Amino acid sequence: MAKELVLYGKHKDATEDWHEEILLTNATLALIEKVKILAVKDGFHSFRVAEIDLSTPPDFRNVVR
């Protein structure tokens, strides 16, 4: 099973509440914590970590109506 960890964050200058940027992909939890510390210094906040299962195709049927 191929899984990937993705770290998202919001920049303090983002104009929309939903606007997140990908800060790191395919990393360990320890590396994610180090990147969060650096990202805070660059104005990022509201971090989110998502685990994406690359072995199954995405299902977008409920996204667009």
C-alpha atoms as a PDB file:
ATOM      1  CA  MET A   1       0.000   0.000   0.000  1.00  0.00           C
ATOM      2  CA  ALA A   2       1.495   3.323  -1.075  1.00  0.00           C
ATOM      3  CA  LYS A   3       0.712   6.123   1.348  1.00  0.00           C
ATOM      4  CA  GLU A   4       2.083   9.631   1.440  1.00  0.00           C
ATOM      5  CA  LEU A   5       2.034  12.259   4.181  1.00  0.00           C
ATOM      6  CA  VAL A   6       1.309  15.810   3.064  1.00  0.00           C
ATOM      7  CA  LEU A   7       1.785  18.909   5.230  1.00  0.00           C
ATOM      8  CA  TYR A   8      -0.445  21.880   4.424  1.00  0.00           C
ATOM      9  CA  GLY A   9      -0.318  25.352   5.947  1.00  0.00           C
ATOM     10  CA  LYS A  10      -1.946  28.750   5.589  1.00  0.00           C
ATOM     11  CA  HIS A  11       0.180  31.830   5.049  1.00  0.00           C
ATOM     12  CA  LYS A  12      -0.585  34.954   7.066  1.00  0.00           C
ATOM     13  CA  ASP A  13      -1.008  36.939   3.824  1.00  0.00           C
ATOM     14  CA  ALA A  14      -3.549  34.536   2.290  1.00  0.00           C
ATOM     15  CA  THR A  15      -6.610  36.444   1.114  1.00  0.00           C
ATOM     16  CA  GLU A  16      -9.045  33.514   1.296  1.00  0.00           C
ATOM     17  CA  ASP A  17      -9.756  31.417   4.383  1.00  0.00           C
ATOM     18  CA  TRP A  18      -9.624  28.171   2.372  1.00  0.00           C
ATOM     19  CA  HIS A  19      -6.220  28.907   0.780  1.00  0.00           C
ATOM     20  CA  GLU A  20      -3.643  26.344   1.907  1.00  0.00           C
ATOM     21  CA  GLU A  21      -0.197  25.662   0.500  1.00  0.00           C
ATOM     22  CA  ILE A  22       1.574  22.331   0.337  1.00  0.00           C
ATOM     23  CA  LEU A  23       4.691  22.657   2.464  1.00  0.00           C
ATOM     24  CA  LEU A  24       6.041  19.101   2.443  1.00  0.00           C
ATOM     25  CA  THR A  25       5.220  15.712   0.946  1.00  0.00           C
ATOM     26  CA  ASN A  26       6.256  12.140   1.638  1.00  0.00           C
ATOM     27  CA  ALA A  27       7.995  12.794   4.949  1.00  0.00           C
ATOM     28  CA  THR A  28       8.218  11.347   8.426  1.00  0.00           C
ATOM     29  CA  LEU A  29       6.327  12.835  11.350  1.00  0.00           C
ATOM     30  CA  ALA A  30       9.634  14.017  12.847  1.00  0.00           C
ATOM     31  CA  LEU A  31      10.523  15.930   9.683  1.00  0.00           C
ATOM     32  CA  ILE A  32       7.030  17.428   9.555  1.00  0.00           C
ATOM     33  CA  GLU A  33       7.521  18.869  13.050  1.00  0.00           C
ATOM     34  CA  LYS A  34      10.840  20.444  12.003  1.00  0.00           C
ATOM     35  CA  VAL A  35       9.273  21.984   8.896  1.00  0.00           C
ATOM     36  CA  LYS A  36       6.404  23.409  10.977  1.00  0.00           C
ATOM     37  CA  ILE A  37       8.927  25.292  13.134  1.00  0.00           C
ATOM     38  CA  LEU A  38      10.578  26.776  10.044  1.00  0.00           C
ATOM     39  CA  ALA A  39       7.231  27.557   8.417  1.00  0.00           C
ATOM     40  CA  VAL A  40       6.025  29.522  11.463  1.00  0.00           C
ATOM     41  CA  LYS A  41       9.073  31.763  11.054  1.00  0.00           C
ATOM     42  CA  ASP A  42       7.994  32.355   7.434  1.00  0.00           C
ATOM     43  CA  GLY A  43       4.445  33.353   8.410  1.00  0.00           C
ATOM     44  CA  PHE A  44       2.552  30.060   8.156  1.00  0.00           C
ATOM     45  CA  HIS A  45      -0.078  28.823  10.601  1.00  0.00           C
ATOM     46  CA  SER A  46      -3.044  26.418  10.797  1.00  0.00           C
ATOM     47  CA  PHE A  47      -1.127  23.326   9.763  1.00  0.00           C
ATOM     48  CA  ARG A  48      -2.832  20.158   8.582  1.00  0.00           C
ATOM     49  CA  VAL A  49      -1.310  16.747   7.875  1.00  0.00           C
ATOM     50  CA  ALA A  50      -3.114  14.442   5.463  1.00  0.00           C
ATOM     51  CA  GLU A  51      -2.337  10.819   4.721  1.00  0.00           C
ATOM     52  CA  ILE A  52      -3.099  10.072   1.088  1.00  0.00           C
ATOM     53  CA  ASP A  53      -3.503   6.491  -0.096  1.00  0.00           C
ATOM     54  CA  LEU A  54      -1.999   6.402  -3.583  1.00  0.00           C
ATOM     55  CA  SER A  55      -3.108   2.821  -4.225  1.00  0.00           C
ATOM     56  CA  THR A  56      -6.756   3.857  -4.713  1.00  0.00           C
ATOM     57  CA  PRO A  57      -7.933   6.380  -7.312  1.00  0.00           C
ATOM     58  CA  PRO A  58      -9.491   9.608  -6.003  1.00  0.00           C
ATOM     59  CA  ASP A  59     -13.278   9.868  -5.928  1.00  0.00           C
ATOM     60  CA  PHE A  60     -14.438  13.371  -6.821  1.00  0.00           C
ATOM     61  CA  ARG A  61     -18.152  12.556  -7.213  1.00  0.00           C
ATOM     62  CA  ASN A  62     -19.117  14.345  -3.979  1.00  0.00           C
ATOM     63  CA  VAL A  63     -16.870  17.350  -4.538  1.00  0.00           C
ATOM     64  CA  VAL A  64     -18.655  18.957  -7.479  1.00  0.00           C
ATOM     65  CA  ARG A  65     -22.426  19.055  -7.582  1.00  0.00           C
END
